[in-house]
Amino acid sequence: ALAVIGWDEAVATGGVVLAAVVNVVVIGI
């Protein structure tokens, strides 16, 4: 839920790919 809410800020900071990879990897692991 926090990843969804903070998505726009994460994308603005690191880009779509980095935001997606970090979220998927951290949550997946």
mmCIF file of all heavy atoms, coordinates in Angstrom:
data_MODEL
# 
_entry.id   MODEL 
# 
loop_
_atom_site.group_PDB 
_atom_site.id 
_atom_site.type_symbol 
_atom_site.label_atom_id 
_atom_site.label_alt_id 
_atom_site.label_comp_id 
_atom_site.label_asym_id 
_atom_site.label_entity_id 
_atom_site.label_seq_id 
_atom_site.pdbx_PDB_ins_code 
_atom_site.Cartn_x 
_atom_site.Cartn_y 
_atom_site.Cartn_z 
_atom_site.occupancy 
_atom_site.B_iso_or_equiv 
_atom_site.pdbx_formal_charge 
_atom_site.auth_seq_id 
_atom_site.auth_comp_id 
_atom_site.auth_asym_id 
_atom_site.auth_atom_id 
_atom_site.pdbx_PDB_model_num 
ATOM 1   N N   . ALA A 1 1  ? 0.839  -1.209  0.000   1.00 0.00 ? 1  ALA A N   1 
ATOM 2   C CA  . ALA A 1 1  ? 0.000  0.000   0.000   1.00 0.00 ? 1  ALA A CA  1 
ATOM 3   C C   . ALA A 1 1  ? 0.870  1.253   0.000   1.00 0.00 ? 1  ALA A C   1 
ATOM 4   O O   . ALA A 1 1  ? 0.591  2.213   -0.735  1.00 0.00 ? 1  ALA A O   1 
ATOM 5   C CB  . ALA A 1 1  ? -0.935 -0.006  1.212   1.00 0.00 ? 1  ALA A CB  1 
ATOM 6   N N   . LEU A 1 2  ? 1.939  1.246   0.785   1.00 0.00 ? 2  LEU A N   1 
ATOM 7   C CA  . LEU A 1 2  ? 2.850  2.393   0.818   1.00 0.00 ? 2  LEU A CA  1 
ATOM 8   C C   . LEU A 1 2  ? 3.553  2.590   -0.522  1.00 0.00 ? 2  LEU A C   1 
ATOM 9   O O   . LEU A 1 2  ? 3.764  3.727   -0.957  1.00 0.00 ? 2  LEU A O   1 
ATOM 10  C CB  . LEU A 1 2  ? 3.881  2.213   1.939   1.00 0.00 ? 2  LEU A CB  1 
ATOM 11  C CG  . LEU A 1 2  ? 3.334  2.368   3.358   1.00 0.00 ? 2  LEU A CG  1 
ATOM 12  C CD1 . LEU A 1 2  ? 4.307  1.802   4.379   1.00 0.00 ? 2  LEU A CD1 1 
ATOM 13  C CD2 . LEU A 1 2  ? 3.013  3.817   3.655   1.00 0.00 ? 2  LEU A CD2 1 
ATOM 14  N N   . ALA A 1 3  ? 3.888  1.485   -1.180  1.00 0.00 ? 3  ALA A N   1 
ATOM 15  C CA  . ALA A 1 3  ? 4.519  1.581   -2.500  1.00 0.00 ? 3  ALA A CA  1 
ATOM 16  C C   . ALA A 1 3  ? 3.568  2.210   -3.519  1.00 0.00 ? 3  ALA A C   1 
ATOM 17  O O   . ALA A 1 3  ? 3.978  3.019   -4.353  1.00 0.00 ? 3  ALA A O   1 
ATOM 18  C CB  . ALA A 1 3  ? 4.963  0.195   -2.975  1.00 0.00 ? 3  ALA A CB  1 
ATOM 19  N N   . VAL A 1 4  ? 2.298  1.847   -3.430  1.00 0.00 ? 4  VAL A N   1 
ATOM 20  C CA  . VAL A 1 4  ? 1.295  2.417   -4.339  1.00 0.00 ? 4  VAL A CA  1 
ATOM 21  C C   . VAL A 1 4  ? 1.098  3.904   -4.044  1.00 0.00 ? 4  VAL A C   1 
ATOM 22  O O   . VAL A 1 4  ? 1.101  4.738   -4.953  1.00 0.00 ? 4  VAL A O   1 
ATOM 23  C CB  . VAL A 1 4  ? -0.040 1.644   -4.235  1.00 0.00 ? 4  VAL A CB  1 
ATOM 24  C CG1 . VAL A 1 4  ? -1.157 2.364   -4.972  1.00 0.00 ? 4  VAL A CG1 1 
ATOM 25  C CG2 . VAL A 1 4  ? 0.130  0.219   -4.764  1.00 0.00 ? 4  VAL A CG2 1 
ATOM 26  N N   . ILE A 1 5  ? 0.951  4.228   -2.761  1.00 0.00 ? 5  ILE A N   1 
ATOM 27  C CA  . ILE A 1 5  ? 0.727  5.631   -2.384  1.00 0.00 ? 5  ILE A CA  1 
ATOM 28  C C   . ILE A 1 5  ? 1.935  6.498   -2.754  1.00 0.00 ? 5  ILE A C   1 
ATOM 29  O O   . ILE A 1 5  ? 1.788  7.621   -3.218  1.00 0.00 ? 5  ILE A O   1 
ATOM 30  C CB  . ILE A 1 5  ? 0.413  5.741   -0.876  1.00 0.00 ? 5  ILE A CB  1 
ATOM 31  C CG1 . ILE A 1 5  ? -0.933 5.082   -0.564  1.00 0.00 ? 5  ILE A CG1 1 
ATOM 32  C CG2 . ILE A 1 5  ? 0.413  7.198   -0.417  1.00 0.00 ? 5  ILE A CG2 1 
ATOM 33  C CD1 . ILE A 1 5  ? -1.207 4.910   0.925   1.00 0.00 ? 5  ILE A CD1 1 
ATOM 34  N N   . GLY A 1 6  ? 3.127  5.965   -2.544  1.00 0.00 ? 6  GLY A N   1 
ATOM 35  C CA  . GLY A 1 6  ? 4.333  6.736   -2.800  1.00 0.00 ? 6  GLY A CA  1 
ATOM 36  C C   . GLY A 1 6  ? 4.923  6.559   -4.184  1.00 0.00 ? 6  GLY A C   1 
ATOM 37  O O   . GLY A 1 6  ? 6.059  6.976   -4.449  1.00 0.00 ? 6  GLY A O   1 
ATOM 38  N N   . TRP A 1 7  ? 4.164  5.926   -5.092  1.00 0.00 ? 7  TRP A N   1 
ATOM 39  C CA  . TRP A 1 7  ? 4.669  5.608   -6.423  1.00 0.00 ? 7  TRP A CA  1 
ATOM 40  C C   . TRP A 1 7  ? 5.159  6.841   -7.191  1.00 0.00 ? 7  TRP A C   1 
ATOM 41  O O   . TRP A 1 7  ? 6.264  6.834   -7.748  1.00 0.00 ? 7  TRP A O   1 
ATOM 42  C CB  . TRP A 1 7  ? 3.607  4.862   -7.228  1.00 0.00 ? 7  TRP A CB  1 
ATOM 43  C CG  . TRP A 1 7  ? 4.074  4.528   -8.611  1.00 0.00 ? 7  TRP A CG  1 
ATOM 44  C CD1 . TRP A 1 7  ? 3.676  5.116   -9.765  1.00 0.00 ? 7  TRP A CD1 1 
ATOM 45  C CD2 . TRP A 1 7  ? 5.041  3.537   -8.967  1.00 0.00 ? 7  TRP A CD2 1 
ATOM 46  N NE1 . TRP A 1 7  ? 4.333  4.546   -10.837 1.00 0.00 ? 7  TRP A NE1 1 
ATOM 47  C CE2 . TRP A 1 7  ? 5.176  3.578   -10.368 1.00 0.00 ? 7  TRP A CE2 1 
ATOM 48  C CE3 . TRP A 1 7  ? 5.805  2.628   -8.246  1.00 0.00 ? 7  TRP A CE3 1 
ATOM 49  C CZ2 . TRP A 1 7  ? 6.049  2.742   -11.056 1.00 0.00 ? 7  TRP A CZ2 1 
ATOM 50  C CZ3 . TRP A 1 7  ? 6.664  1.800   -8.927  1.00 0.00 ? 7  TRP A CZ3 1 
ATOM 51  C CH2 . TRP A 1 7  ? 6.788  1.855   -10.319 1.00 0.00 ? 7  TRP A CH2 1 
ATOM 52  N N   . ASP A 1 8  ? 4.359  7.884   -7.230  1.00 0.00 ? 8  ASP A N   1 
ATOM 53  C CA  . ASP A 1 8  ? 4.731  9.073   -8.003  1.00 0.00 ? 8  ASP A CA  1 
ATOM 54  C C   . ASP A 1 8  ? 6.046  9.676   -7.512  1.00 0.00 ? 8  ASP A C   1 
ATOM 55  O O   . ASP A 1 8  ? 6.901  10.064  -8.309  1.00 0.00 ? 8  ASP A O   1 
ATOM 56  C CB  . ASP A 1 8  ? 3.617  10.128  -7.960  1.00 0.00 ? 8  ASP A CB  1 
ATOM 57  C CG  . ASP A 1 8  ? 2.386  9.698   -8.743  1.00 0.00 ? 8  ASP A CG  1 
ATOM 58  O OD1 . ASP A 1 8  ? 2.528  8.849   -9.648  1.00 0.00 ? 8  ASP A OD1 1 
ATOM 59  O OD2 . ASP A 1 8  ? 1.290  10.198  -8.443  1.00 0.00 ? 8  ASP A OD2 1 
ATOM 60  N N   . GLU A 1 9  ? 6.215  9.732   -6.198  1.00 0.00 ? 9  GLU A N   1 
ATOM 61  C CA  . GLU A 1 9  ? 7.455  10.279  -5.643  1.00 0.00 ? 9  GLU A CA  1 
ATOM 62  C C   . GLU A 1 9  ? 8.647  9.374   -5.953  1.00 0.00 ? 9  GLU A C   1 
ATOM 63  O O   . GLU A 1 9  ? 9.741  9.848   -6.271  1.00 0.00 ? 9  GLU A O   1 
ATOM 64  C CB  . GLU A 1 9  ? 7.325  10.466  -4.137  1.00 0.00 ? 9  GLU A CB  1 
ATOM 65  C CG  . GLU A 1 9  ? 8.531  11.146  -3.515  1.00 0.00 ? 9  GLU A CG  1 
ATOM 66  C CD  . GLU A 1 9  ? 8.367  11.395  -2.028  1.00 0.00 ? 9  GLU A CD  1 
ATOM 67  O OE1 . GLU A 1 9  ? 7.224  11.420  -1.535  1.00 0.00 ? 9  GLU A OE1 1 
ATOM 68  O OE2 . GLU A 1 9  ? 9.393  11.569  -1.368  1.00 0.00 ? 9  GLU A OE2 1 
ATOM 69  N N   . ALA A 1 10 ? 8.440  8.057   -5.871  1.00 0.00 ? 10 ALA A N   1 
ATOM 70  C CA  . ALA A 1 10 ? 9.520  7.112   -6.183  1.00 0.00 ? 10 ALA A CA  1 
ATOM 71  C C   . ALA A 1 10 ? 9.935  7.218   -7.642  1.00 0.00 ? 10 ALA A C   1 
ATOM 72  O O   . ALA A 1 10 ? 11.123 7.189   -7.963  1.00 0.00 ? 10 ALA A O   1 
ATOM 73  C CB  . ALA A 1 10 ? 9.072  5.681   -5.859  1.00 0.00 ? 10 ALA A CB  1 
ATOM 74  N N   . VAL A 1 11 ? 8.963  7.356   -8.530  1.00 0.00 ? 11 VAL A N   1 
ATOM 75  C CA  . VAL A 1 11 ? 9.252  7.500   -9.957  1.00 0.00 ? 11 VAL A CA  1 
ATOM 76  C C   . VAL A 1 11 ? 9.987  8.816   -10.218 1.00 0.00 ? 11 VAL A C   1 
ATOM 77  O O   . VAL A 1 11 ? 10.952 8.867   -10.991 1.00 0.00 ? 11 VAL A O   1 
ATOM 78  C CB  . VAL A 1 11 ? 7.950  7.404   -10.795 1.00 0.00 ? 11 VAL A CB  1 
ATOM 79  C CG1 . VAL A 1 11 ? 8.190  7.825   -12.238 1.00 0.00 ? 11 VAL A CG1 1 
ATOM 80  C CG2 . VAL A 1 11 ? 7.395  5.991   -10.737 1.00 0.00 ? 11 VAL A CG2 1 
ATOM 81  N N   . ALA A 1 12 ? 9.564  9.883   -9.560  1.00 0.00 ? 12 ALA A N   1 
ATOM 82  C CA  . ALA A 1 12 ? 10.218 11.177  -9.734  1.00 0.00 ? 12 ALA A CA  1 
ATOM 83  C C   . ALA A 1 12 ? 11.663 11.140  -9.244  1.00 0.00 ? 12 ALA A C   1 
ATOM 84  O O   . ALA A 1 12 ? 12.536 11.802  -9.802  1.00 0.00 ? 12 ALA A O   1 
ATOM 85  C CB  . ALA A 1 12 ? 9.440  12.260  -8.999  1.00 0.00 ? 12 ALA A CB  1 
ATOM 86  N N   . THR A 1 13 ? 11.919 10.342  -8.227  1.00 0.00 ? 13 THR A N   1 
ATOM 87  C CA  . THR A 1 13 ? 13.264 10.253  -7.654  1.00 0.00 ? 13 THR A CA  1 
ATOM 88  C C   . THR A 1 13 ? 14.194 9.379   -8.487  1.00 0.00 ? 13 THR A C   1 
ATOM 89  O O   . THR A 1 13 ? 15.328 9.758   -8.758  1.00 0.00 ? 13 THR A O   1 
ATOM 90  C CB  . THR A 1 13 ? 13.204 9.697   -6.217  1.00 0.00 ? 13 THR A CB  1 
ATOM 91  O OG1 . THR A 1 13 ? 12.369 10.546  -5.445  1.00 0.00 ? 13 THR A OG1 1 
ATOM 92  C CG2 . THR A 1 13 ? 14.578 9.613   -5.594  1.00 0.00 ? 13 THR A CG2 1 
ATOM 93  N N   . GLY A 1 14 ? 13.718 8.189   -8.900  1.00 0.00 ? 14 GLY A N   1 
ATOM 94  C CA  . GLY A 1 14 ? 14.625 7.239   -9.555  1.00 0.00 ? 14 GLY A CA  1 
ATOM 95  C C   . GLY A 1 14 ? 14.179 6.722   -10.896 1.00 0.00 ? 14 GLY A C   1 
ATOM 96  O O   . GLY A 1 14 ? 14.884 5.920   -11.509 1.00 0.00 ? 14 GLY A O   1 
ATOM 97  N N   . GLY A 1 15 ? 12.998 7.104   -11.342 1.00 0.00 ? 15 GLY A N   1 
ATOM 98  C CA  . GLY A 1 15 ? 12.489 6.596   -12.606 1.00 0.00 ? 15 GLY A CA  1 
ATOM 99  C C   . GLY A 1 15 ? 11.608 5.374   -12.402 1.00 0.00 ? 15 GLY A C   1 
ATOM 100 O O   . GLY A 1 15 ? 11.642 4.731   -11.354 1.00 0.00 ? 15 GLY A O   1 
ATOM 101 N N   . VAL A 1 16 ? 10.853 5.075   -13.429 1.00 0.00 ? 16 VAL A N   1 
ATOM 102 C CA  . VAL A 1 16 ? 9.875  3.975   -13.352 1.00 0.00 ? 16 VAL A CA  1 
ATOM 103 C C   . VAL A 1 16 ? 10.559 2.635   -13.131 1.00 0.00 ? 16 VAL A C   1 
ATOM 104 O O   . VAL A 1 16 ? 10.148 1.844   -12.276 1.00 0.00 ? 16 VAL A O   1 
ATOM 105 C CB  . VAL A 1 16 ? 9.012  3.930   -14.637 1.00 0.00 ? 16 VAL A CB  1 
ATOM 106 C CG1 . VAL A 1 16 ? 8.101  2.713   -14.626 1.00 0.00 ? 16 VAL A CG1 1 
ATOM 107 C CG2 . VAL A 1 16 ? 8.203  5.195   -14.784 1.00 0.00 ? 16 VAL A CG2 1 
ATOM 108 N N   . VAL A 1 17 ? 11.614 2.366   -13.887 1.00 0.00 ? 17 VAL A N   1 
ATOM 109 C CA  . VAL A 1 17 ? 12.265 1.053   -13.809 1.00 0.00 ? 17 VAL A CA  1 
ATOM 110 C C   . VAL A 1 17 ? 12.853 0.828   -12.424 1.00 0.00 ? 17 VAL A C   1 
ATOM 111 O O   . VAL A 1 17 ? 12.628 -0.221  -11.812 1.00 0.00 ? 17 VAL A O   1 
ATOM 112 C CB  . VAL A 1 17 ? 13.349 0.912   -14.905 1.00 0.00 ? 17 VAL A CB  1 
ATOM 113 C CG1 . VAL A 1 17 ? 14.126 -0.377  -14.725 1.00 0.00 ? 17 VAL A CG1 1 
ATOM 114 C CG2 . VAL A 1 17 ? 12.708 0.965   -16.281 1.00 0.00 ? 17 VAL A CG2 1 
ATOM 115 N N   . LEU A 1 18 ? 13.594 1.792   -11.928 1.00 0.00 ? 18 LEU A N   1 
ATOM 116 C CA  . LEU A 1 18 ? 14.206 1.643   -10.611 1.00 0.00 ? 18 LEU A CA  1 
ATOM 117 C C   . LEU A 1 18 ? 13.143 1.488   -9.525  1.00 0.00 ? 18 LEU A C   1 
ATOM 118 O O   . LEU A 1 18 ? 13.257 0.620   -8.653  1.00 0.00 ? 18 LEU A O   1 
ATOM 119 C CB  . LEU A 1 18 ? 15.114 2.827   -10.297 1.00 0.00 ? 18 LEU A CB  1 
ATOM 120 C CG  . LEU A 1 18 ? 15.851 2.748   -8.958  1.00 0.00 ? 18 LEU A CG  1 
ATOM 121 C CD1 . LEU A 1 18 ? 16.778 1.528   -8.936  1.00 0.00 ? 18 LEU A CD1 1 
ATOM 122 C CD2 . LEU A 1 18 ? 16.629 4.020   -8.699  1.00 0.00 ? 18 LEU A CD2 1 
ATOM 123 N N   . ALA A 1 19 ? 12.097 2.302   -9.570  1.00 0.00 ? 19 ALA A N   1 
ATOM 124 C CA  . ALA A 1 19 ? 11.026 2.221   -8.577  1.00 0.00 ? 19 ALA A CA  1 
ATOM 125 C C   . ALA A 1 19 ? 10.359 0.846   -8.610  1.00 0.00 ? 19 ALA A C   1 
ATOM 126 O O   . ALA A 1 19 ? 10.123 0.236   -7.560  1.00 0.00 ? 19 ALA A O   1 
ATOM 127 C CB  . ALA A 1 19 ? 9.995  3.321   -8.819  1.00 0.00 ? 19 ALA A CB  1 
ATOM 128 N N   . ALA A 1 20 ? 10.080 0.354   -9.809  1.00 0.00 ? 20 ALA A N   1 
ATOM 129 C CA  . ALA A 1 20 ? 9.430  -0.952  -9.938  1.00 0.00 ? 20 ALA A CA  1 
ATOM 130 C C   . ALA A 1 20 ? 10.344 -2.079  -9.459  1.00 0.00 ? 20 ALA A C   1 
ATOM 131 O O   . ALA A 1 20 ? 9.913  -2.957  -8.703  1.00 0.00 ? 20 ALA A O   1 
ATOM 132 C CB  . ALA A 1 20 ? 9.012  -1.186  -11.390 1.00 0.00 ? 20 ALA A CB  1 
ATOM 133 N N   . VAL A 1 21 ? 11.592 -2.047  -9.886  1.00 0.00 ? 21 VAL A N   1 
ATOM 134 C CA  . VAL A 1 21 ? 12.526 -3.118  -9.514  1.00 0.00 ? 21 VAL A CA  1 
ATOM 135 C C   . VAL A 1 21 ? 12.744 -3.147  -8.004  1.00 0.00 ? 21 VAL A C   1 
ATOM 136 O O   . VAL A 1 21 ? 12.688 -4.217  -7.390  1.00 0.00 ? 21 VAL A O   1 
ATOM 137 C CB  . VAL A 1 21 ? 13.863 -2.969  -10.279 1.00 0.00 ? 21 VAL A CB  1 
ATOM 138 C CG1 . VAL A 1 21 ? 14.932 -3.884  -9.698  1.00 0.00 ? 21 VAL A CG1 1 
ATOM 139 C CG2 . VAL A 1 21 ? 13.659 -3.253  -11.759 1.00 0.00 ? 21 VAL A CG2 1 
ATOM 140 N N   . VAL A 1 22 ? 12.994 -1.999  -7.408  1.00 0.00 ? 22 VAL A N   1 
ATOM 141 C CA  . VAL A 1 22 ? 13.227 -1.952  -5.962  1.00 0.00 ? 22 VAL A CA  1 
ATOM 142 C C   . VAL A 1 22 ? 12.014 -2.480  -5.204  1.00 0.00 ? 22 VAL A C   1 
ATOM 143 O O   . VAL A 1 22 ? 12.142 -3.317  -4.305  1.00 0.00 ? 22 VAL A O   1 
ATOM 144 C CB  . VAL A 1 22 ? 13.600 -0.526  -5.503  1.00 0.00 ? 22 VAL A CB  1 
ATOM 145 C CG1 . VAL A 1 22 ? 13.555 -0.407  -3.981  1.00 0.00 ? 22 VAL A CG1 1 
ATOM 146 C CG2 . VAL A 1 22 ? 14.975 -0.145  -6.027  1.00 0.00 ? 22 VAL A CG2 1 
ATOM 147 N N   . ASN A 1 23 ? 10.816 -2.022  -5.572  1.00 0.00 ? 23 ASN A N   1 
ATOM 148 C CA  . ASN A 1 23 ? 9.609  -2.484  -4.881  1.00 0.00 ? 23 ASN A CA  1 
ATOM 149 C C   . ASN A 1 23 ? 9.383  -3.975  -5.053  1.00 0.00 ? 23 ASN A C   1 
ATOM 150 O O   . ASN A 1 23 ? 9.111  -4.687  -4.084  1.00 0.00 ? 23 ASN A O   1 
ATOM 151 C CB  . ASN A 1 23 ? 8.380  -1.694  -5.352  1.00 0.00 ? 23 ASN A CB  1 
ATOM 152 C CG  . ASN A 1 23 ? 8.282  -0.346  -4.702  1.00 0.00 ? 23 ASN A CG  1 
ATOM 153 O OD1 . ASN A 1 23 ? 8.356  -0.231  -3.485  1.00 0.00 ? 23 ASN A OD1 1 
ATOM 154 N ND2 . ASN A 1 23 ? 8.131  0.695   -5.498  1.00 0.00 ? 23 ASN A ND2 1 
ATOM 155 N N   . VAL A 1 24 ? 9.506  -4.463  -6.266  1.00 0.00 ? 24 VAL A N   1 
ATOM 156 C CA  . VAL A 1 24 ? 9.267  -5.891  -6.523  1.00 0.00 ? 24 VAL A CA  1 
ATOM 157 C C   . VAL A 1 24 ? 10.307 -6.753  -5.810  1.00 0.00 ? 24 VAL A C   1 
ATOM 158 O O   . VAL A 1 24 ? 9.964  -7.762  -5.189  1.00 0.00 ? 24 VAL A O   1 
ATOM 159 C CB  . VAL A 1 24 ? 9.245  -6.182  -8.043  1.00 0.00 ? 24 VAL A CB  1 
ATOM 160 C CG1 . VAL A 1 24 ? 9.305  -7.667  -8.316  1.00 0.00 ? 24 VAL A CG1 1 
ATOM 161 C CG2 . VAL A 1 24 ? 8.002  -5.571  -8.674  1.00 0.00 ? 24 VAL A CG2 1 
ATOM 162 N N   . VAL A 1 25 ? 11.564 -6.347  -5.876  1.00 0.00 ? 25 VAL A N   1 
ATOM 163 C CA  . VAL A 1 25 ? 12.625 -7.140  -5.239  1.00 0.00 ? 25 VAL A CA  1 
ATOM 164 C C   . VAL A 1 25 ? 12.469 -7.148  -3.723  1.00 0.00 ? 25 VAL A C   1 
ATOM 165 O O   . VAL A 1 25 ? 12.503 -8.213  -3.095  1.00 0.00 ? 25 VAL A O   1 
ATOM 166 C CB  . VAL A 1 25 ? 14.020 -6.626  -5.662  1.00 0.00 ? 25 VAL A CB  1 
ATOM 167 C CG1 . VAL A 1 25 ? 15.123 -7.237  -4.811  1.00 0.00 ? 25 VAL A CG1 1 
ATOM 168 C CG2 . VAL A 1 25 ? 14.264 -6.921  -7.136  1.00 0.00 ? 25 VAL A CG2 1 
ATOM 169 N N   . VAL A 1 26 ? 12.293 -5.980  -3.121  1.00 0.00 ? 26 VAL A N   1 
ATOM 170 C CA  . VAL A 1 26 ? 12.180 -5.912  -1.657  1.00 0.00 ? 26 VAL A CA  1 
ATOM 171 C C   . VAL A 1 26 ? 10.950 -6.674  -1.164  1.00 0.00 ? 26 VAL A C   1 
ATOM 172 O O   . VAL A 1 26 ? 11.041 -7.493  -0.243  1.00 0.00 ? 26 VAL A O   1 
ATOM 173 C CB  . VAL A 1 26 ? 12.156 -4.446  -1.175  1.00 0.00 ? 26 VAL A CB  1 
ATOM 174 C CG1 . VAL A 1 26 ? 11.766 -4.361  0.298   1.00 0.00 ? 26 VAL A CG1 1 
ATOM 175 C CG2 . VAL A 1 26 ? 13.501 -3.791  -1.406  1.00 0.00 ? 26 VAL A CG2 1 
ATOM 176 N N   . ILE A 1 27 ? 9.817  -6.432  -1.781  1.00 0.00 ? 27 ILE A N   1 
ATOM 177 C CA  . ILE A 1 27 ? 8.585  -7.112  -1.356  1.00 0.00 ? 27 ILE A CA  1 
ATOM 178 C C   . ILE A 1 27 ? 8.674  -8.609  -1.648  1.00 0.00 ? 27 ILE A C   1 
ATOM 179 O O   . ILE A 1 27 ? 8.291  -9.434  -0.823  1.00 0.00 ? 27 ILE A O   1 
ATOM 180 C CB  . ILE A 1 27 ? 7.352  -6.466  -2.015  1.00 0.00 ? 27 ILE A CB  1 
ATOM 181 C CG1 . ILE A 1 27 ? 7.168  -5.048  -1.455  1.00 0.00 ? 27 ILE A CG1 1 
ATOM 182 C CG2 . ILE A 1 27 ? 6.100  -7.300  -1.791  1.00 0.00 ? 27 ILE A CG2 1 
ATOM 183 C CD1 . ILE A 1 27 ? 6.192  -4.180  -2.224  1.00 0.00 ? 27 ILE A CD1 1 
ATOM 184 N N   . GLY A 1 28 ? 9.209  -8.966  -2.805  1.00 0.00 ? 28 GLY A N   1 
ATOM 185 C CA  . GLY A 1 28 ? 9.341  -10.377 -3.169  1.00 0.00 ? 28 GLY A CA  1 
ATOM 186 C C   . GLY A 1 28 ? 10.265 -11.138 -2.240  1.00 0.00 ? 28 GLY A C   1 
ATOM 187 O O   . GLY A 1 28 ? 9.942  -12.242 -1.776  1.00 0.00 ? 28 GLY A O   1 
ATOM 188 N N   . ILE A 1 29 ? 11.425 -10.568 -1.946  1.00 0.00 ? 29 ILE A N   1 
ATOM 189 C CA  . ILE A 1 29 ? 12.369 -11.234 -1.040  1.00 0.00 ? 29 ILE A CA  1 
ATOM 190 C C   . ILE A 1 29 ? 11.769 -11.364 0.354   1.00 0.00 ? 29 ILE A C   1 
ATOM 191 O O   . ILE A 1 29 ? 11.877 -12.413 0.989   1.00 0.00 ? 29 ILE A O   1 
ATOM 192 C CB  . ILE A 1 29 ? 13.719 -10.484 -1.006  1.00 0.00 ? 29 ILE A CB  1 
ATOM 193 C CG1 . ILE A 1 29 ? 14.465 -10.713 -2.323  1.00 0.00 ? 29 ILE A CG1 1 
ATOM 194 C CG2 . ILE A 1 29 ? 14.568 -10.917 0.186   1.00 0.00 ? 29 ILE A CG2 1 
ATOM 195 C CD1 . ILE A 1 29 ? 15.730 -9.893  -2.475  1.00 0.00 ? 29 ILE A CD1 1 
# 
